[in-house]
N, C-alpha and C. Protein backbone atom coordinates (compact mmCIF):
# COMPACT_ATOMS: atom_id res chain seq x y z
N UNK A 1 -7.72 30.46 -43.16
CA UNK A 1 -6.52 30.54 -43.95
C UNK A 1 -5.65 32.05 -43.79
N UNK A 2 -4.30 32.00 -43.77
CA UNK A 2 -3.50 33.15 -43.33
C UNK A 2 -3.48 33.86 -44.63
N UNK A 3 -3.29 35.16 -44.39
CA UNK A 3 -3.17 36.08 -45.68
C UNK A 3 -1.43 36.36 -45.96
N UNK A 4 -0.73 35.62 -44.95
CA UNK A 4 0.68 35.71 -44.84
C UNK A 4 1.39 34.74 -45.77
N UNK A 5 2.34 35.42 -46.65
CA UNK A 5 3.10 34.58 -47.76
C UNK A 5 3.70 33.40 -46.91
N UNK A 6 3.66 32.23 -48.11
CA UNK A 6 4.64 31.16 -47.66
C UNK A 6 5.88 31.70 -47.94
N UNK A 7 6.92 30.95 -47.38
CA UNK A 7 8.39 31.49 -47.70
C UNK A 7 8.90 30.07 -48.33
N UNK A 8 9.55 30.09 -49.37
CA UNK A 8 10.48 28.57 -49.60
C UNK A 8 11.71 29.25 -49.84
N UNK A 9 12.80 28.81 -48.94
CA UNK A 9 14.15 29.45 -49.12
C UNK A 9 14.79 28.13 -49.52
N UNK A 10 15.47 28.50 -50.39
CA UNK A 10 16.13 27.17 -51.33
C UNK A 10 17.68 28.01 -51.25
N UNK A 11 18.65 27.15 -50.73
CA UNK A 11 20.04 27.67 -50.56
C UNK A 11 20.89 26.57 -51.23
N UNK A 12 21.52 26.61 -52.38
CA UNK A 12 22.26 25.71 -52.99
C UNK A 12 23.82 26.05 -52.95
N UNK A 13 24.52 25.19 -52.75
CA UNK A 13 26.05 25.26 -52.72
C UNK A 13 26.52 25.52 -54.04
N UNK A 14 27.47 26.30 -54.16
CA UNK A 14 28.22 26.87 -55.62
C UNK A 14 27.43 26.95 -56.77
N UNK A 15 26.22 27.70 -56.45
CA UNK A 15 25.55 27.70 -57.74
C UNK A 15 25.30 29.00 -58.13
N UNK A 16 25.95 29.25 -59.37
CA UNK A 16 26.01 30.81 -59.69
C UNK A 16 24.98 30.93 -60.50
N UNK A 17 24.41 32.22 -60.89
CA UNK A 17 23.16 32.53 -61.89
C UNK A 17 23.49 31.98 -63.18
N UNK A 18 24.46 31.81 -63.82
CA UNK A 18 24.56 31.43 -65.10
C UNK A 18 24.51 29.84 -65.04
N UNK A 19 23.98 29.23 -64.22
CA UNK A 19 23.66 27.82 -64.23
C UNK A 19 22.23 27.60 -63.94
N UNK A 20 21.63 28.65 -64.29
CA UNK A 20 20.00 28.33 -64.26
C UNK A 20 19.71 29.14 -65.85
N UNK A 21 18.80 28.28 -66.68
CA UNK A 21 18.21 28.58 -68.02
C UNK A 21 17.55 29.88 -67.95
N UNK A 22 16.83 30.15 -66.97
CA UNK A 22 16.05 31.41 -67.31
C UNK A 22 16.72 32.58 -66.75
N UNK A 23 17.96 32.42 -66.35
CA UNK A 23 18.83 33.64 -65.94
C UNK A 23 19.93 33.71 -67.31
N UNK A 24 19.75 32.99 -68.34
CA UNK A 24 20.62 33.48 -69.38
C UNK A 24 21.50 32.06 -69.84
N UNK A 25 21.36 30.91 -69.29
CA UNK A 25 22.15 29.66 -69.68
C UNK A 25 21.21 29.01 -70.66
N UNK A 26 21.41 29.19 -72.04
CA UNK A 26 20.76 28.44 -73.00
C UNK A 26 21.25 26.96 -73.08
N UNK A 27 22.23 26.80 -72.55
CA UNK A 27 22.84 25.23 -72.70
C UNK A 27 22.44 24.50 -71.66
N UNK A 28 21.57 24.68 -70.66
CA UNK A 28 21.25 23.92 -69.55
C UNK A 28 19.40 23.90 -69.50
N UNK A 29 19.11 22.91 -68.76
CA UNK A 29 17.60 22.72 -68.77
C UNK A 29 17.41 22.70 -67.30
N UNK A 30 16.57 23.67 -66.72
CA UNK A 30 16.26 23.74 -65.38
C UNK A 30 14.82 24.17 -65.15
N UNK A 31 13.74 23.39 -65.64
CA UNK A 31 12.57 23.76 -65.57
C UNK A 31 11.92 24.05 -64.30
N UNK A 32 12.43 23.47 -63.33
CA UNK A 32 11.66 23.57 -61.88
C UNK A 32 12.32 24.99 -61.26
N UNK A 33 13.61 25.41 -61.66
CA UNK A 33 14.25 26.33 -60.99
C UNK A 33 13.61 27.54 -61.89
N UNK A 34 13.35 27.38 -63.19
CA UNK A 34 13.13 28.21 -63.85
C UNK A 34 11.35 28.77 -63.62
N UNK A 35 10.65 27.83 -63.28
CA UNK A 35 9.28 27.86 -62.74
C UNK A 35 9.24 28.73 -61.46
N UNK A 36 10.07 28.40 -60.66
CA UNK A 36 9.95 29.16 -59.05
C UNK A 36 10.61 30.50 -59.48
N UNK A 37 11.48 30.64 -60.17
CA UNK A 37 11.92 32.14 -60.56
C UNK A 37 10.67 32.60 -61.17
N UNK A 38 9.92 32.14 -61.98
CA UNK A 38 8.89 33.04 -62.93
C UNK A 38 8.09 33.30 -61.95
N UNK A 39 7.49 32.30 -61.00
CA UNK A 39 6.29 32.46 -60.12
C UNK A 39 6.69 33.07 -58.63
N UNK A 40 7.87 33.34 -58.63
CA UNK A 40 8.60 33.92 -57.20
C UNK A 40 9.28 35.03 -57.62
N UNK A 41 10.57 34.86 -57.17
CA UNK A 41 11.50 36.09 -57.26
C UNK A 41 12.96 35.38 -57.41
N UNK A 42 13.73 35.88 -58.51
CA UNK A 42 15.27 35.63 -58.47
C UNK A 42 16.02 36.75 -58.27
N UNK A 43 16.88 36.74 -57.55
CA UNK A 43 17.83 37.84 -57.24
C UNK A 43 18.90 37.69 -58.18
N UNK A 44 19.02 38.89 -59.04
CA UNK A 44 19.84 38.82 -60.14
C UNK A 44 21.17 39.86 -59.89
N UNK A 45 21.00 40.47 -58.70
CA UNK A 45 22.20 41.25 -58.18
C UNK A 45 22.64 40.98 -56.57
N UNK A 46 22.62 39.67 -56.27
CA UNK A 46 22.69 39.26 -54.82
C UNK A 46 24.26 38.93 -54.78
N UNK A 47 24.81 39.12 -53.66
CA UNK A 47 26.34 38.71 -53.26
C UNK A 47 26.40 37.96 -52.11
N UNK A 48 27.35 37.08 -52.06
CA UNK A 48 27.61 36.42 -51.00
C UNK A 48 28.73 37.00 -49.95
N UNK A 49 28.58 37.10 -48.81
CA UNK A 49 29.40 37.76 -47.78
C UNK A 49 30.70 37.09 -47.62
N UNK A 50 30.64 35.89 -48.17
CA UNK A 50 31.70 35.03 -47.90
C UNK A 50 31.81 33.84 -49.18
N UNK A 51 32.76 33.34 -49.55
CA UNK A 51 32.78 32.11 -50.59
C UNK A 51 32.85 30.85 -49.89
N UNK A 52 33.14 30.85 -48.64
CA UNK A 52 33.10 29.86 -47.63
C UNK A 52 31.59 29.50 -46.91
N UNK A 53 31.18 28.06 -47.13
CA UNK A 53 30.04 27.54 -46.53
C UNK A 53 29.58 28.29 -45.00
N UNK A 54 30.24 27.95 -44.11
CA UNK A 54 29.80 28.44 -42.86
C UNK A 54 29.45 30.09 -42.53
N UNK A 55 30.54 30.59 -42.89
CA UNK A 55 30.15 32.14 -42.81
C UNK A 55 29.39 32.74 -43.87
N UNK A 56 29.05 32.13 -44.97
CA UNK A 56 27.98 32.49 -45.96
C UNK A 56 26.84 32.10 -45.35
N UNK A 57 26.48 31.06 -44.81
CA UNK A 57 25.15 30.51 -44.25
C UNK A 57 24.94 31.48 -42.96
N UNK A 58 25.87 31.73 -42.19
CA UNK A 58 25.91 32.67 -41.08
C UNK A 58 25.51 34.07 -41.29
N UNK A 59 26.00 34.26 -42.29
CA UNK A 59 25.60 35.97 -42.96
C UNK A 59 24.20 36.03 -43.47
N UNK A 60 23.85 35.13 -44.12
CA UNK A 60 22.29 35.23 -44.70
C UNK A 60 21.54 34.71 -43.75
N UNK A 61 21.78 33.96 -42.77
CA UNK A 61 20.79 33.60 -41.65
C UNK A 61 20.62 34.55 -40.70
N UNK A 62 21.65 35.29 -40.39
CA UNK A 62 21.33 36.49 -39.51
C UNK A 62 21.35 37.96 -39.97
N UNK A 63 21.67 38.00 -41.22
CA UNK A 63 21.83 39.32 -41.99
C UNK A 63 22.86 40.15 -41.49
N UNK A 64 24.03 39.59 -41.05
CA UNK A 64 24.89 40.53 -40.34
C UNK A 64 26.37 39.75 -41.26
N UNK A 65 27.43 40.53 -41.07
CA UNK A 65 28.57 40.33 -41.59
C UNK A 65 29.01 39.11 -40.99
N UNK A 66 29.83 37.98 -41.65
CA UNK A 66 30.40 36.93 -40.91
C UNK A 66 31.27 37.03 -39.72
N UNK A 67 32.06 38.24 -39.74
CA UNK A 67 33.17 38.49 -38.65
C UNK A 67 32.29 38.94 -37.29
N UNK A 68 30.96 39.37 -37.35
CA UNK A 68 30.05 40.05 -36.43
C UNK A 68 29.35 38.57 -35.65
N UNK A 69 29.43 37.67 -36.58
CA UNK A 69 28.56 36.39 -36.10
C UNK A 69 29.59 35.51 -35.44
N UNK A 70 30.68 35.74 -35.39
CA UNK A 70 32.05 35.00 -35.15
C UNK A 70 31.98 33.76 -35.85
N UNK A 71 31.75 33.70 -36.94
CA UNK A 71 31.81 32.62 -38.04
C UNK A 71 32.51 32.91 -39.06
N UNK A 72 33.65 33.03 -38.93
CA UNK A 72 34.46 33.45 -40.10
C UNK A 72 35.19 32.55 -41.20
N UNK A 73 35.21 31.20 -40.59
CA UNK A 73 35.54 30.08 -41.53
C UNK A 73 34.71 28.72 -40.97
N UNK A 74 34.94 27.74 -41.80
CA UNK A 74 34.26 26.41 -41.74
C UNK A 74 34.99 25.96 -40.22
N UNK A 75 34.28 25.17 -39.70
CA UNK A 75 34.82 24.56 -38.31
C UNK A 75 34.69 25.42 -37.06
N UNK A 76 34.02 26.88 -37.31
CA UNK A 76 33.61 27.38 -36.23
C UNK A 76 32.19 27.62 -35.83
N UNK A 77 31.68 27.23 -34.64
CA UNK A 77 30.39 26.98 -34.23
C UNK A 77 29.68 28.37 -34.17
N UNK A 78 28.58 28.22 -34.46
CA UNK A 78 27.56 29.53 -34.44
C UNK A 78 27.33 29.65 -33.07
N UNK A 79 27.66 30.79 -32.29
CA UNK A 79 27.41 30.97 -30.96
C UNK A 79 25.72 30.82 -30.74
N UNK A 80 25.62 30.30 -29.52
CA UNK A 80 23.98 30.15 -29.05
C UNK A 80 23.25 31.55 -29.19
N UNK A 81 23.99 32.47 -28.69
CA UNK A 81 23.19 33.63 -28.44
C UNK A 81 22.75 34.29 -29.95
N UNK A 82 23.30 33.97 -31.04
CA UNK A 82 22.72 34.38 -32.56
C UNK A 82 21.38 34.00 -32.74
N UNK A 83 20.81 35.17 -33.48
CA UNK A 83 19.41 34.84 -33.63
C UNK A 83 19.30 34.76 -35.31
N UNK A 84 18.71 33.83 -35.63
CA UNK A 84 18.72 33.63 -37.00
C UNK A 84 17.40 33.77 -37.54
N UNK A 85 17.06 34.16 -38.82
CA UNK A 85 15.99 34.57 -39.27
C UNK A 85 14.93 33.46 -39.07
N UNK A 86 15.25 32.11 -39.29
CA UNK A 86 14.22 31.15 -39.11
C UNK A 86 13.66 31.17 -37.47
N UNK A 87 14.49 31.59 -36.78
CA UNK A 87 13.77 31.73 -35.23
C UNK A 87 12.97 32.70 -35.43
N UNK A 88 13.18 33.98 -35.98
CA UNK A 88 12.15 35.19 -36.04
C UNK A 88 11.15 34.70 -36.47
N UNK A 89 11.08 34.05 -37.91
CA UNK A 89 9.87 33.54 -38.60
C UNK A 89 8.97 32.56 -37.57
N UNK A 90 9.63 31.59 -36.98
CA UNK A 90 9.08 30.61 -36.19
C UNK A 90 8.24 31.32 -35.06
N UNK A 91 8.96 32.43 -34.62
CA UNK A 91 8.32 33.05 -33.40
C UNK A 91 7.25 33.96 -33.82
N UNK A 92 7.00 34.29 -35.12
CA UNK A 92 5.88 34.75 -35.63
C UNK A 92 4.65 33.87 -36.27
N UNK A 93 4.98 32.58 -35.76
CA UNK A 93 4.00 31.63 -36.16
C UNK A 93 4.22 30.83 -37.46
N UNK A 94 5.31 31.18 -38.05
CA UNK A 94 5.80 30.29 -39.32
C UNK A 94 6.05 28.99 -38.64
N UNK A 95 5.87 27.80 -39.38
CA UNK A 95 6.24 26.50 -39.32
C UNK A 95 7.51 26.35 -40.39
N UNK A 96 8.80 26.36 -39.67
CA UNK A 96 9.98 26.26 -40.25
C UNK A 96 10.31 24.75 -40.18
N UNK A 97 11.33 24.46 -41.38
CA UNK A 97 11.72 23.08 -41.61
C UNK A 97 12.99 23.15 -42.53
N UNK A 98 13.79 22.45 -42.21
CA UNK A 98 15.17 22.30 -43.10
C UNK A 98 15.17 21.06 -43.48
N UNK A 99 15.63 20.89 -44.79
CA UNK A 99 16.05 19.29 -45.32
C UNK A 99 17.57 19.78 -46.14
N UNK A 100 18.39 19.09 -45.66
CA UNK A 100 19.67 19.09 -46.13
C UNK A 100 20.78 19.56 -44.87
N UNK A 101 21.62 20.41 -45.46
CA UNK A 101 22.75 20.62 -44.28
C UNK A 101 22.50 21.95 -43.77
N UNK A 102 22.75 22.34 -42.66
CA UNK A 102 22.65 23.48 -42.07
C UNK A 102 24.00 24.22 -42.01
N UNK A 103 24.81 23.43 -41.54
CA UNK A 103 26.30 23.83 -41.44
C UNK A 103 26.79 25.10 -40.59
N UNK A 104 26.27 25.23 -39.73
CA UNK A 104 26.45 26.36 -38.66
C UNK A 104 27.35 25.72 -37.59
N UNK A 105 27.87 24.58 -37.55
CA UNK A 105 28.65 24.09 -36.52
C UNK A 105 29.62 23.08 -37.14
N UNK A 106 31.00 22.77 -36.48
CA UNK A 106 31.79 21.95 -37.13
C UNK A 106 31.15 20.56 -37.18
N UNK A 107 31.44 20.04 -38.32
CA UNK A 107 30.77 18.83 -38.84
C UNK A 107 32.12 17.70 -38.98
N UNK A 108 32.42 16.86 -38.06
CA UNK A 108 33.29 15.96 -38.01
C UNK A 108 32.74 14.81 -37.52
N UNK A 109 32.46 13.84 -38.26
CA UNK A 109 31.80 12.40 -37.74
C UNK A 109 32.77 11.77 -36.97
N UNK A 110 34.05 11.86 -36.71
CA UNK A 110 34.79 11.20 -35.64
C UNK A 110 34.72 11.96 -34.36
N UNK A 111 33.90 13.04 -34.25
CA UNK A 111 33.91 13.82 -33.10
C UNK A 111 32.49 13.74 -32.56
N UNK A 112 31.52 14.05 -33.71
CA UNK A 112 30.09 13.98 -33.23
C UNK A 112 29.10 13.06 -34.22
N UNK A 113 28.07 12.75 -33.92
CA UNK A 113 27.30 12.18 -34.72
C UNK A 113 26.26 12.65 -35.43
N UNK A 114 26.38 14.28 -35.22
CA UNK A 114 25.35 14.96 -35.52
C UNK A 114 25.79 16.40 -35.68
N UNK A 115 25.41 17.52 -36.38
CA UNK A 115 25.59 18.85 -36.32
C UNK A 115 24.84 19.17 -35.06
N UNK A 116 25.58 20.15 -34.24
CA UNK A 116 25.06 20.59 -32.95
C UNK A 116 24.35 22.00 -33.27
N UNK A 117 22.91 21.99 -32.84
CA UNK A 117 22.17 23.15 -33.27
C UNK A 117 21.89 24.12 -32.13
N UNK A 118 21.83 25.44 -32.52
CA UNK A 118 21.47 26.39 -31.74
C UNK A 118 19.80 26.50 -31.61
N UNK A 119 19.32 27.55 -30.78
CA UNK A 119 17.87 27.66 -31.08
C UNK A 119 17.53 28.32 -32.51
N UNK A 120 17.36 27.28 -33.26
CA UNK A 120 17.40 27.95 -34.93
C UNK A 120 15.98 28.03 -35.50
N UNK A 121 14.90 27.74 -34.54
CA UNK A 121 13.51 28.04 -35.11
C UNK A 121 12.90 26.77 -35.98
N UNK A 122 13.63 25.72 -36.23
CA UNK A 122 13.47 24.59 -37.28
C UNK A 122 12.69 23.73 -36.29
N UNK A 123 11.22 23.38 -36.79
CA UNK A 123 10.46 22.49 -35.89
C UNK A 123 10.90 21.16 -36.78
N UNK A 124 10.97 21.18 -38.01
CA UNK A 124 11.15 19.78 -38.60
C UNK A 124 12.60 20.31 -39.28
N UNK A 125 13.61 19.09 -38.90
CA UNK A 125 15.03 19.20 -39.17
C UNK A 125 15.39 17.75 -39.76
N UNK A 126 15.45 17.75 -41.29
CA UNK A 126 16.07 16.38 -41.89
C UNK A 126 17.30 16.56 -42.39
N UNK A 127 18.36 16.24 -41.38
CA UNK A 127 19.96 16.66 -41.56
C UNK A 127 20.58 15.74 -42.57
N UNK A 128 21.21 16.04 -43.38
CA UNK A 128 22.28 15.40 -44.07
C UNK A 128 23.43 16.29 -44.50
N UNK A 129 24.52 16.14 -44.02
CA UNK A 129 25.58 17.05 -44.27
C UNK A 129 25.92 16.70 -45.77
N UNK A 130 26.07 15.61 -46.00
CA UNK A 130 26.54 15.34 -47.50
C UNK A 130 25.96 13.86 -47.82
N UNK A 131 26.09 13.27 -48.80
CA UNK A 131 25.43 11.89 -48.99
C UNK A 131 26.32 10.76 -48.36
N UNK A 132 27.50 10.86 -48.19
CA UNK A 132 28.25 9.92 -47.35
C UNK A 132 27.57 9.62 -46.10
N UNK A 133 27.34 8.44 -45.62
CA UNK A 133 26.66 7.82 -44.66
C UNK A 133 27.55 7.78 -43.19
N UNK A 134 28.52 8.82 -43.11
CA UNK A 134 29.54 8.76 -42.26
C UNK A 134 29.11 9.39 -41.01
N UNK A 135 28.02 9.96 -40.76
CA UNK A 135 27.15 10.33 -39.64
C UNK A 135 26.02 9.20 -39.28
N UNK A 136 25.78 8.80 -37.93
CA UNK A 136 24.89 7.80 -37.71
C UNK A 136 23.31 8.46 -38.13
N UNK A 137 23.31 9.79 -37.72
CA UNK A 137 22.16 10.26 -38.09
C UNK A 137 21.61 11.04 -39.37
N UNK A 138 22.24 10.64 -40.31
CA UNK A 138 22.00 11.27 -41.59
C UNK A 138 20.69 10.78 -42.12
N UNK A 139 19.69 11.97 -42.45
CA UNK A 139 18.28 11.70 -42.74
C UNK A 139 18.48 11.06 -44.15
N UNK A 140 19.07 11.45 -44.91
CA UNK A 140 19.13 10.96 -46.34
C UNK A 140 19.78 9.46 -46.35
N UNK A 141 20.59 8.97 -45.57
CA UNK A 141 20.81 7.59 -45.47
C UNK A 141 19.77 6.79 -44.97
N UNK A 142 19.11 7.12 -43.86
CA UNK A 142 17.69 6.67 -43.28
C UNK A 142 16.67 6.61 -44.33
N UNK A 143 16.62 7.51 -45.33
CA UNK A 143 15.69 7.61 -46.28
C UNK A 143 15.98 6.46 -47.35
N UNK A 144 17.34 6.43 -47.81
CA UNK A 144 17.51 5.37 -48.49
C UNK A 144 17.26 3.88 -48.07
N UNK A 145 17.52 3.61 -46.85
CA UNK A 145 17.44 2.43 -46.23
C UNK A 145 15.73 2.07 -46.17
N UNK A 146 15.00 3.12 -45.70
CA UNK A 146 13.44 2.86 -46.00
C UNK A 146 13.17 2.40 -47.27
N UNK A 147 14.01 2.96 -48.37
CA UNK A 147 13.58 2.32 -49.78
C UNK A 147 14.23 1.15 -50.19
N UNK A 148 14.92 0.40 -49.34
CA UNK A 148 15.55 -0.71 -49.62
C UNK A 148 16.90 -0.65 -50.43
N UNK A 149 17.26 0.62 -50.12
CA UNK A 149 18.70 0.88 -51.10
C UNK A 149 19.96 1.22 -49.75
N UNK A 150 21.19 0.74 -50.31
CA UNK A 150 22.22 1.16 -49.45
C UNK A 150 23.03 2.06 -50.33
N UNK A 151 23.48 3.11 -49.26
CA UNK A 151 24.41 3.98 -50.04
C UNK A 151 25.68 3.46 -50.86
N UNK A 152 26.25 2.45 -50.29
CA UNK A 152 27.39 1.87 -50.70
C UNK A 152 27.27 1.43 -52.29
N UNK A 153 25.92 0.77 -52.39
CA UNK A 153 25.38 0.22 -53.67
C UNK A 153 25.32 1.18 -54.99
N UNK A 154 24.89 2.54 -54.26
CA UNK A 154 24.32 3.52 -55.19
C UNK A 154 25.68 4.40 -55.56
N UNK A 155 26.46 4.56 -54.54
CA UNK A 155 27.54 5.59 -54.90
C UNK A 155 28.97 4.77 -54.88
N UNK A 156 29.12 4.31 -56.24
CA UNK A 156 30.17 3.32 -56.53
C UNK A 156 31.01 3.69 -57.80
N UNK A 157 31.60 4.96 -57.66
CA UNK A 157 32.40 5.40 -58.72
C UNK A 157 33.77 4.61 -59.05
N UNK A 158 33.93 4.18 -60.18
CA UNK A 158 34.91 3.57 -60.54
C UNK A 158 36.27 4.36 -60.32
N UNK A 159 37.03 3.70 -59.56
CA UNK A 159 38.27 4.60 -59.10
C UNK A 159 39.03 5.12 -60.17
N UNK A 160 39.25 6.66 -60.28
CA UNK A 160 40.01 7.25 -61.14
C UNK A 160 39.20 7.67 -62.66
N UNK A 161 37.91 6.97 -62.57
CA UNK A 161 37.23 7.13 -63.86
C UNK A 161 35.81 7.53 -63.68
N UNK A 162 35.79 8.39 -62.99
CA UNK A 162 34.50 9.24 -62.71
C UNK A 162 33.77 9.75 -63.67
N UNK A 163 34.10 9.83 -64.64
CA UNK A 163 33.25 10.20 -66.09
C UNK A 163 32.52 9.09 -66.69
N UNK A 164 32.93 7.93 -66.23
CA UNK A 164 32.06 6.68 -66.83
C UNK A 164 31.42 6.22 -65.78
N UNK A 165 31.16 6.81 -64.58
CA UNK A 165 30.22 6.26 -63.36
C UNK A 165 28.91 6.71 -63.85
N UNK A 166 27.67 6.24 -63.86
CA UNK A 166 26.49 6.52 -64.48
C UNK A 166 25.83 7.49 -63.48
N UNK A 167 26.05 7.57 -62.07
CA UNK A 167 25.64 8.36 -61.28
C UNK A 167 24.49 7.69 -60.58
N UNK A 168 23.92 8.19 -59.46
CA UNK A 168 22.74 7.67 -58.68
C UNK A 168 21.57 7.78 -59.60
N UNK A 169 20.76 6.88 -59.46
CA UNK A 169 19.33 7.04 -60.31
C UNK A 169 18.42 7.99 -59.63
N UNK A 170 17.80 8.94 -60.47
CA UNK A 170 17.22 10.26 -60.26
C UNK A 170 16.42 10.04 -58.96
N UNK A 171 15.60 8.62 -58.62
CA UNK A 171 14.63 8.60 -57.81
C UNK A 171 15.42 8.30 -56.32
N UNK A 172 16.52 8.22 -56.20
CA UNK A 172 17.42 7.90 -55.04
C UNK A 172 18.61 8.92 -54.93
N UNK A 173 18.33 9.82 -55.64
CA UNK A 173 19.24 11.20 -55.49
C UNK A 173 19.25 11.94 -54.16
N UNK A 174 20.01 12.58 -53.75
CA UNK A 174 20.16 13.40 -52.58
C UNK A 174 19.22 14.57 -52.78
N UNK A 175 19.17 14.90 -53.97
CA UNK A 175 18.27 16.14 -54.48
C UNK A 175 16.67 15.69 -54.30
N UNK A 176 16.30 14.46 -54.69
CA UNK A 176 14.85 14.08 -54.73
C UNK A 176 14.54 14.02 -53.15
N UNK A 177 15.59 13.24 -52.34
CA UNK A 177 15.33 13.14 -50.82
C UNK A 177 15.04 14.37 -50.54
N UNK A 178 15.83 15.63 -50.76
CA UNK A 178 15.52 16.79 -50.03
C UNK A 178 14.30 17.68 -50.66
N UNK A 179 14.01 17.29 -51.74
CA UNK A 179 12.62 17.74 -52.43
C UNK A 179 11.52 17.27 -51.63
């Protein structure tokens, strides 16, 4: 057994500190995030280098400002010579995996069927840019199919009345797949 720590890096989109119970929101129930924060670490004074997805991810995965990574906006590809923290961890013997979206390359289903990767260090890579199955190699859609479900049957909001849509059952939600 190694004495090195395990690292679980969770990156959620558009999740502010005040959307987590243990960080001060008494009106929401987030027991699993609360437990992770209690047993691990919660950064209470962390700031994003960019409010936009690709530049923000480029910054925290390289430790540099978005302008120096050459990813200043969505739709710009992470150059192949960039070194990600996950590559550094893999080089030190860590087994790295990703479930969800990486979004370090343009994602246009009409142009490509998968997000192009650089040498990112991930051995396990279960990619799903979003729940919509418009990419052939969407791991979330494949997971649904393995469970006898079709995306089209689960994601069926009533046009113009999203507030009446009951949502995807928890056992088939993209968050359940990702976890």
